[in-house]
Amino acid sequence: MTMTTLEKEDVFPFDSIFFSDQVDRVIEHTLPVFYRMIRWHVVFYLGFLFVGGIEAILILFFLTELVKSSLLAVSLAGLFFTFFSYFILRLYLQNQKPEQFQTVLDQYAQACQELINFREDVVEHHIALATAFTKFSTLLHGKEERVWKTPRWLDLLRPSMESFSFWWHWHDIHHMRERLQLNAVDEYLQVVKMEPTDLEVHAALANAYVTLSGLYINPHHENGLEAKRIPHEGYRKQLVERFRFTAERAIEEFKILNDYAPDDPWVHVQLAYSYRDLGLPKEEIQEHEIVLSLCPDDLDTLFRLGVLYFEQGYNAKGLEIYEELKGIHFKKAEQLIAHYSDSHQSLLHSFSNRDLYIKENSN
């Protein structure tokens, strides 16, 4: 998102280079622990699958011999016991997994707290801890495919291994990043309670919510790459709900900033982005109009506003911006006029969806 002086200010001097380097070391120590924990679950599943498969193959291979004796009943009992044990232990491990995640998270938080001799009544300590949570969450981005690595002499299997790693660990990595970012939000909420009228604190909390909503935004867009690869459609719907919730919290914080700094264009830009992500074009238009009134020379905002006008069917307003851009930036004007039929295409798309819905329900 666009940044201005409000966001760029060195509001929190405690976040020093030294602390950042020390946090990197803590992450280097914590990451292998986390990887071992989530790998163990995969080893468990594959181990039981292997043992059960071998038992089933042996029973089938020696079936003619086993039928002649009482060993068939023993073999089938052993196979049943293997799979029964699997389901019991699987249930136990699933119940233990949240506690294991929390243990890793607590160990990381404790290590970071020890770096700063953490105190609950010190604002800078909460901010430093929130920064450490966000840093770890950011580092985990894209690590789903790298939990399992292939040696160099097996490079041909690397794409398959990466797909395997992603399929097994997307939820694990995403869940850990979510917990880390929620902890960062909690730390900023503590700071807001200590400094309720501090503008920079509300800006930091708003940014924390925006970062948290970023964990859900790719699944929110159906054409996104990650959305196509998420294993379960039901979980994708949960992510959309969480995205809307966190985006709404971010909007509330930006509104507080707007009350304190109504003439800061950065606040309105952030509100516009949030409204766009929430699918509220009319509200987004209002925010871009405010930004344009504050920064009349902002061509990007002018172009975006023209696109929104055409998308919403306000063609007269869109053409006014087109004429204005034509005299300032001809290339942007040509790009803008290509959106003239967007409202018509949206209407056709809605009719298509309606006809499909009627057809499905009539069947």
Protein backbone atom coordinates (compact mmCIF):
# COMPACT_ATOMS: atom_id res chain seq x y z
CA MET A 1 0.00 0.00 0.00
CA THR A 2 1.01 3.60 -0.52
CA MET A 3 3.02 5.19 2.26
CA THR A 4 3.27 8.82 3.40
CA THR A 5 5.04 10.63 6.19
CA LEU A 6 2.59 9.28 8.76
CA GLU A 7 3.73 5.72 8.07
CA LYS A 8 7.38 6.47 7.28
CA GLU A 9 8.13 8.27 10.53
CA ASP A 10 10.52 6.48 12.86
CA VAL A 11 7.80 6.23 15.47
CA PHE A 12 9.27 3.38 17.45
CA PRO A 13 13.01 3.89 17.97
CA PHE A 14 13.30 0.70 20.05
CA ASP A 15 13.20 -1.41 16.88
CA SER A 16 16.95 -1.09 16.36
CA ILE A 17 19.25 -2.92 13.96
CA PHE A 18 20.75 -4.80 16.90
CA PHE A 19 17.38 -6.10 18.04
CA SER A 20 16.51 -7.08 14.47
CA ASP A 21 19.74 -9.07 14.15
CA GLN A 22 19.08 -10.86 17.42
CA VAL A 23 15.54 -11.70 16.33
CA ASP A 24 16.98 -13.21 13.14
CA ARG A 25 19.07 -15.54 15.29
CA VAL A 26 16.06 -16.52 17.37
CA ILE A 27 14.14 -17.31 14.17
CA GLU A 28 17.06 -19.41 12.88
CA HIS A 29 16.83 -21.47 16.08
CA THR A 30 13.01 -21.68 16.14
CA LEU A 31 12.42 -22.55 12.49
CA PRO A 32 14.05 -26.03 12.61
CA VAL A 33 12.05 -26.82 15.76
CA PHE A 34 8.85 -25.87 13.96
CA TYR A 35 9.80 -27.88 10.88
CA ARG A 36 10.58 -30.98 12.96
CA MET A 37 7.21 -30.72 14.64
CA ILE A 38 5.17 -30.58 11.43
CA ARG A 39 7.37 -33.17 9.69
CA TRP A 40 6.78 -35.64 12.51
CA HIS A 41 3.08 -35.75 11.70
CA VAL A 42 3.83 -36.60 8.07
CA VAL A 43 6.28 -39.33 9.13
CA PHE A 44 3.59 -40.77 11.40
CA TYR A 45 0.98 -40.91 8.63
CA LEU A 46 3.34 -42.33 6.02
CA GLY A 47 4.80 -44.81 8.52
CA PHE A 48 1.44 -46.34 9.34
CA LEU A 49 0.48 -46.31 5.65
CA PHE A 50 3.66 -48.20 4.82
CA VAL A 51 3.25 -50.77 7.60
CA GLY A 52 -0.43 -51.32 6.83
CA GLY A 53 0.29 -51.62 3.11
CA ILE A 54 3.05 -54.19 3.68
CA GLU A 55 0.75 -56.24 5.93
CA ALA A 56 -2.05 -56.17 3.35
CA ILE A 57 0.32 -57.18 0.52
CA LEU A 58 1.76 -60.06 2.56
CA ILE A 59 -1.71 -61.32 3.44
CA LEU A 60 -2.76 -61.27 -0.21
CA PHE A 61 0.51 -62.86 -1.35
CA PHE A 62 0.33 -65.74 1.14
CA LEU A 63 -3.46 -65.96 1.16
CA THR A 64 -3.58 -69.54 -0.16
CA GLU A 65 -1.23 -70.72 2.57
CA LEU A 66 -2.90 -68.71 5.32
CA VAL A 67 -6.35 -70.09 4.50
CA LYS A 68 -5.14 -73.57 5.32
CA SER A 69 -4.26 -72.58 8.89
CA SER A 70 -5.37 -70.34 11.71
CA LEU A 71 -2.74 -67.76 10.75
CA LEU A 72 -5.23 -65.99 8.48
CA ALA A 73 -7.29 -64.88 11.47
CA VAL A 74 -4.13 -63.76 13.27
CA SER A 75 -2.95 -61.82 10.20
CA LEU A 76 -6.28 -60.10 9.74
CA ALA A 77 -6.35 -59.27 13.44
CA GLY A 78 -2.87 -57.76 13.13
CA LEU A 79 -3.95 -55.67 10.14
CA PHE A 80 -7.05 -54.51 11.99
CA PHE A 81 -4.96 -53.63 15.05
CA THR A 82 -2.55 -51.60 12.88
CA PHE A 83 -5.30 -49.44 11.39
CA PHE A 84 -7.16 -49.20 14.69
CA SER A 85 -3.96 -47.95 16.34
CA TYR A 86 -3.51 -45.50 13.48
CA PHE A 87 -6.92 -43.88 13.99
CA ILE A 88 -6.49 -43.71 17.78
CA LEU A 89 -3.00 -42.19 17.57
CA ARG A 90 -4.09 -39.88 14.74
CA LEU A 91 -6.88 -38.50 16.92
CA TYR A 92 -4.40 -38.02 19.76
CA LEU A 93 -1.89 -36.20 17.55
CA GLN A 94 -4.57 -33.95 16.10
CA ASN A 95 -5.59 -32.94 19.62
CA GLN A 96 -1.95 -32.34 20.56
CA LYS A 97 -1.09 -30.31 17.47
CA PRO A 98 -2.56 -26.96 18.65
CA GLU A 99 -0.60 -27.30 21.91
CA GLN A 100 2.57 -28.02 19.95
CA PHE A 101 2.03 -24.91 17.83
CA GLN A 102 1.48 -22.87 20.97
CA THR A 103 4.62 -24.30 22.56
CA VAL A 104 6.74 -23.24 19.59
CA LEU A 105 5.12 -19.82 19.63
CA ASP A 106 5.63 -19.40 23.39
CA GLN A 107 9.28 -20.41 23.12
CA TYR A 108 9.83 -17.87 20.36
CA ALA A 109 8.05 -15.12 22.32
CA GLN A 110 10.02 -15.93 25.48
CA ALA A 111 13.32 -15.81 23.60
CA CYS A 112 12.42 -12.40 22.15
CA GLN A 113 11.30 -11.13 25.55
CA GLU A 114 14.62 -12.15 27.07
CA LEU A 115 16.44 -10.06 24.46
CA ILE A 116 14.78 -6.90 25.77
CA ASN A 117 14.12 -7.81 29.41
CA PHE A 118 10.45 -7.49 28.62
CA ARG A 119 8.19 -5.46 30.93
CA GLU A 120 4.42 -5.18 30.59
CA ASP A 121 4.38 -1.47 31.41
CA VAL A 122 6.88 -0.43 28.72
CA VAL A 123 5.30 0.60 25.41
CA GLU A 124 8.47 0.04 23.39
CA HIS A 125 8.70 -3.56 24.61
CA HIS A 126 5.24 -4.39 23.27
CA ILE A 127 6.08 -2.74 19.96
CA ALA A 128 9.37 -4.64 19.70
CA LEU A 129 7.61 -7.93 20.42
CA ALA A 130 4.93 -7.17 17.81
CA THR A 131 7.69 -6.44 15.30
CA ALA A 132 9.33 -9.79 16.10
CA PHE A 133 6.05 -11.67 15.55
CA THR A 134 5.49 -9.93 12.23
CA LYS A 135 9.05 -10.62 11.12
CA PHE A 136 8.75 -14.36 11.78
CA SER A 137 5.37 -14.46 10.00
CA THR A 138 6.83 -12.67 6.97
CA LEU A 139 9.79 -15.03 6.85
CA LEU A 140 7.45 -18.05 6.73
CA HIS A 141 5.81 -16.72 3.55
CA GLY A 142 6.33 -19.18 0.70
CA LYS A 143 7.96 -21.80 2.93
CA GLU A 144 5.22 -24.39 2.34
CA GLU A 145 7.13 -25.90 -0.58
CA ARG A 146 10.46 -26.00 1.25
CA VAL A 147 9.68 -27.96 4.38
CA TRP A 148 10.94 -31.08 2.62
CA LYS A 149 14.08 -30.74 0.52
CA THR A 150 15.58 -33.09 -2.03
CA PRO A 151 19.33 -33.67 -2.33
CA ARG A 152 21.06 -32.25 -5.40
CA TRP A 153 21.38 -35.64 -7.04
CA LEU A 154 17.58 -35.92 -7.01
CA ASP A 155 16.83 -32.58 -8.66
CA LEU A 156 14.45 -34.31 -11.08
CA LEU A 157 12.16 -35.07 -8.14
CA ARG A 158 12.22 -31.52 -6.81
CA PRO A 159 8.92 -30.36 -8.42
CA SER A 160 7.14 -33.43 -7.07
CA MET A 161 8.67 -32.94 -3.62
CA GLU A 162 7.65 -29.27 -3.59
CA SER A 163 4.07 -30.21 -4.52
CA PHE A 164 4.09 -32.87 -1.80
CA SER A 165 5.42 -30.36 0.74
CA PHE A 166 2.84 -27.75 -0.22
CA TRP A 167 -0.04 -30.22 -0.06
CA TRP A 168 0.96 -31.43 3.42
CA HIS A 169 2.05 -28.17 5.00
CA TRP A 170 0.03 -25.29 3.53
CA HIS A 171 -2.35 -25.34 6.53
CA ASP A 172 0.53 -25.67 9.01
CA ILE A 173 2.49 -22.70 7.65
CA HIS A 174 -0.61 -20.58 7.23
CA HIS A 175 -1.83 -21.40 10.73
CA MET A 176 1.52 -20.50 12.26
CA ARG A 177 1.69 -17.22 10.33
CA GLU A 178 -1.86 -16.44 11.44
CA ARG A 179 -1.01 -17.05 15.10
CA LEU A 180 2.10 -14.90 14.86
CA GLN A 181 0.23 -12.04 13.28
CA LEU A 182 -2.63 -12.31 15.78
CA ASN A 183 -0.05 -12.02 18.55
CA ALA A 184 1.33 -8.90 16.86
CA VAL A 185 -2.18 -7.41 16.81
CA ASP A 186 -2.58 -8.28 20.51
CA GLU A 187 0.65 -6.44 21.33
CA TYR A 188 -0.49 -3.32 19.48
CA LEU A 189 -3.86 -3.51 21.24
CA GLN A 190 -1.98 -3.45 24.54
CA VAL A 191 -0.14 -0.35 23.34
CA VAL A 192 -3.42 1.34 22.36
CA LYS A 193 -4.73 0.74 25.89
CA MET A 194 -1.61 2.44 27.24
CA GLU A 195 -1.59 5.27 24.67
CA PRO A 196 -5.23 5.54 23.50
CA THR A 197 -4.89 8.93 21.78
CA ASP A 198 -1.52 8.37 20.10
CA LEU A 199 -1.98 8.71 16.34
CA GLU A 200 1.08 6.64 15.45
CA VAL A 201 -0.07 3.76 17.64
CA HIS A 202 -3.41 3.59 15.84
CA ALA A 203 -1.54 3.68 12.53
CA ALA A 204 0.59 0.74 13.67
CA LEU A 205 -2.50 -1.21 14.76
CA ALA A 206 -4.20 -0.48 11.45
CA ASN A 207 -1.14 -1.74 9.58
CA ALA A 208 -1.11 -4.88 11.73
CA TYR A 209 -4.71 -5.59 10.75
CA VAL A 210 -3.86 -4.97 7.10
CA THR A 211 -0.94 -7.41 7.34
CA LEU A 212 -3.20 -9.99 8.99
CA SER A 213 -5.85 -9.56 6.30
CA GLY A 214 -3.09 -10.13 3.74
CA LEU A 215 -2.92 -13.75 4.91
CA TYR A 216 -6.46 -14.21 3.63
CA ILE A 217 -6.58 -11.92 0.61
CA ASN A 218 -5.20 -14.37 -2.01
CA PRO A 219 -7.85 -17.01 -1.30
CA HIS A 220 -10.39 -14.15 -1.39
CA HIS A 221 -9.67 -13.68 -5.11
CA GLU A 222 -10.83 -16.70 -7.08
CA ASN A 223 -8.28 -16.17 -9.84
CA GLY A 224 -5.33 -16.06 -7.47
CA LEU A 225 -2.73 -18.80 -7.77
CA GLU A 226 -2.90 -19.77 -4.11
CA ALA A 227 -6.70 -19.95 -4.23
CA LYS A 228 -6.53 -22.73 -6.82
CA ARG A 229 -4.08 -24.72 -4.72
CA ILE A 230 -5.83 -24.57 -1.35
CA PRO A 231 -6.87 -28.17 -0.68
CA HIS A 232 -10.38 -27.63 0.70
CA GLU A 233 -13.10 -25.32 -0.63
CA GLY A 234 -14.69 -25.09 2.82
CA TYR A 235 -11.49 -23.72 4.32
CA ARG A 236 -11.28 -21.16 1.53
CA LYS A 237 -14.70 -19.84 2.61
CA GLN A 238 -13.44 -19.52 6.19
CA LEU A 239 -10.51 -17.47 4.93
CA VAL A 240 -12.86 -15.11 3.09
CA GLU A 241 -14.83 -14.55 6.32
CA ARG A 242 -11.67 -13.91 8.30
CA PHE A 243 -10.45 -11.53 5.62
CA ARG A 244 -13.61 -9.46 5.82
CA PHE A 245 -13.45 -9.36 9.61
CA THR A 246 -9.83 -8.19 9.76
CA ALA A 247 -10.29 -5.73 6.89
CA GLU A 248 -13.25 -4.19 8.73
CA ARG A 249 -11.11 -3.83 11.85
CA ALA A 250 -8.45 -2.08 9.77
CA ILE A 251 -11.08 0.27 8.34
CA GLU A 252 -12.22 1.18 11.86
CA GLU A 253 -8.66 2.09 12.82
CA PHE A 254 -8.22 4.15 9.65
CA LYS A 255 -11.44 5.97 10.49
CA ILE A 256 -9.96 6.85 13.88
CA LEU A 257 -6.91 8.18 12.05
CA ASN A 258 -9.20 10.15 9.77
CA ASP A 259 -10.80 11.79 12.80
CA TYR A 260 -7.37 12.82 14.05
CA ALA A 261 -5.83 13.64 10.65
CA PRO A 262 -8.62 14.27 8.12
CA ASP A 263 -6.27 15.94 5.64
CA ASP A 264 -3.69 13.15 5.46
CA PRO A 265 -4.07 11.49 2.02
CA TRP A 266 -2.36 8.29 3.24
CA VAL A 267 -5.28 7.54 5.54
CA HIS A 268 -7.78 7.86 2.72
CA VAL A 269 -5.63 5.77 0.37
CA GLN A 270 -5.59 2.97 2.95
CA LEU A 271 -9.35 3.23 3.36
CA ALA A 272 -9.77 3.05 -0.42
CA TYR A 273 -7.62 -0.09 -0.61
CA SER A 274 -9.58 -1.69 2.22
CA TYR A 275 -12.91 -0.87 0.59
CA ARG A 276 -11.63 -2.34 -2.68
CA ASP A 277 -10.65 -5.58 -0.95
CA LEU A 278 -14.06 -5.74 0.71
CA GLY A 279 -15.82 -5.23 -2.61
CA LEU A 280 -17.34 -1.84 -1.74
CA PRO A 281 -16.75 0.26 -4.89
CA LYS A 282 -18.92 3.26 -3.95
CA GLU A 283 -17.05 3.74 -0.69
CA GLU A 284 -13.75 3.31 -2.55
CA ILE A 285 -14.81 6.03 -4.99
CA GLN A 286 -15.53 8.42 -2.13
CA GLU A 287 -12.09 7.88 -0.63
CA HIS A 288 -10.32 8.35 -3.97
CA GLU A 289 -12.27 11.58 -4.52
CA ILE A 290 -11.03 12.83 -1.16
CA VAL A 291 -7.44 11.86 -2.03
CA LEU A 292 -7.75 13.68 -5.35
CA SER A 293 -9.06 16.81 -3.63
CA LEU A 294 -6.01 16.72 -1.34
CA CYS A 295 -3.53 15.75 -4.08
CA PRO A 296 -4.94 17.02 -7.41
CA ASP A 297 -1.74 16.11 -9.28
CA ASP A 298 -1.88 12.41 -8.32
CA LEU A 299 -2.29 10.76 -11.74
CA ASP A 300 -2.53 7.23 -10.32
CA THR A 301 -5.49 8.20 -8.15
CA LEU A 302 -7.08 10.06 -11.06
CA PHE A 303 -6.70 6.99 -13.29
CA ARG A 304 -8.06 4.62 -10.64
CA LEU A 305 -11.04 6.91 -10.07
CA GLY A 306 -11.78 6.94 -13.81
CA VAL A 307 -11.66 3.14 -13.91
CA LEU A 308 -14.09 2.95 -10.99
CA TYR A 309 -16.46 5.40 -12.68
CA PHE A 310 -16.58 3.26 -15.81
CA GLU A 311 -16.93 0.03 -13.82
CA GLN A 312 -19.90 1.44 -11.90
CA GLY A 313 -21.58 2.89 -14.98
CA TYR A 314 -20.77 6.55 -14.25
CA ASN A 315 -19.61 6.99 -17.83
CA ALA A 316 -20.04 10.78 -17.92
CA LYS A 317 -17.69 11.22 -14.97
CA GLY A 318 -15.31 8.69 -16.45
CA LEU A 319 -15.17 10.62 -19.73
CA GLU A 320 -14.44 13.83 -17.83
CA ILE A 321 -11.37 12.17 -16.31
CA TYR A 322 -10.47 10.77 -19.73
CA GLU A 323 -10.46 14.27 -21.22
CA GLU A 324 -8.38 15.53 -18.31
CA LEU A 325 -5.85 12.71 -18.65
CA LYS A 326 -5.66 13.14 -22.41
CA GLY A 327 -4.10 16.54 -21.94
CA ILE A 328 -1.69 15.34 -19.22
CA HIS A 329 -0.78 11.72 -19.91
CA PHE A 330 -2.05 10.40 -23.24
CA LYS A 331 -0.97 6.79 -22.58
CA LYS A 332 -2.95 6.63 -19.32
CA ALA A 333 -5.93 8.17 -21.10
CA GLU A 334 -5.84 5.39 -23.71
CA GLN A 335 -5.60 2.78 -20.97
CA LEU A 336 -8.55 4.38 -19.19
CA ILE A 337 -10.89 4.48 -22.20
CA ALA A 338 -10.37 0.71 -22.61
CA HIS A 339 -12.48 0.35 -19.44
CA TYR A 340 -15.47 2.15 -21.00
CA SER A 341 -17.42 -1.09 -21.47
CA ASP A 342 -16.61 -2.54 -18.02
CA SER A 343 -20.06 -1.81 -16.58
CA HIS A 344 -21.69 -3.55 -19.56
CA GLN A 345 -19.45 -6.60 -19.14
CA SER A 346 -20.29 -6.72 -15.42
CA LEU A 347 -23.99 -6.65 -16.27
CA LEU A 348 -23.61 -9.50 -18.75
CA HIS A 349 -21.63 -11.47 -16.15
CA SER A 350 -24.38 -10.98 -13.56
CA PHE A 351 -27.02 -12.12 -16.07
CA SER A 352 -24.90 -15.17 -16.87
CA ASN A 353 -24.59 -16.05 -13.19
CA ARG A 354 -28.33 -15.58 -12.69
CA ASP A 355 -29.19 -17.82 -15.65
CA LEU A 356 -26.78 -20.46 -14.36
CA TYR A 357 -28.35 -20.30 -10.90
CA ILE A 358 -31.86 -20.70 -12.38
CA LYS A 359 -30.73 -23.62 -14.53
CA GLU A 360 -29.06 -25.42 -11.61
CA ASN A 361 -32.08 -25.00 -9.36
CA SER A 362 -34.53 -26.02 -12.07
CA ASN A 363 -32.67 -29.30 -12.42
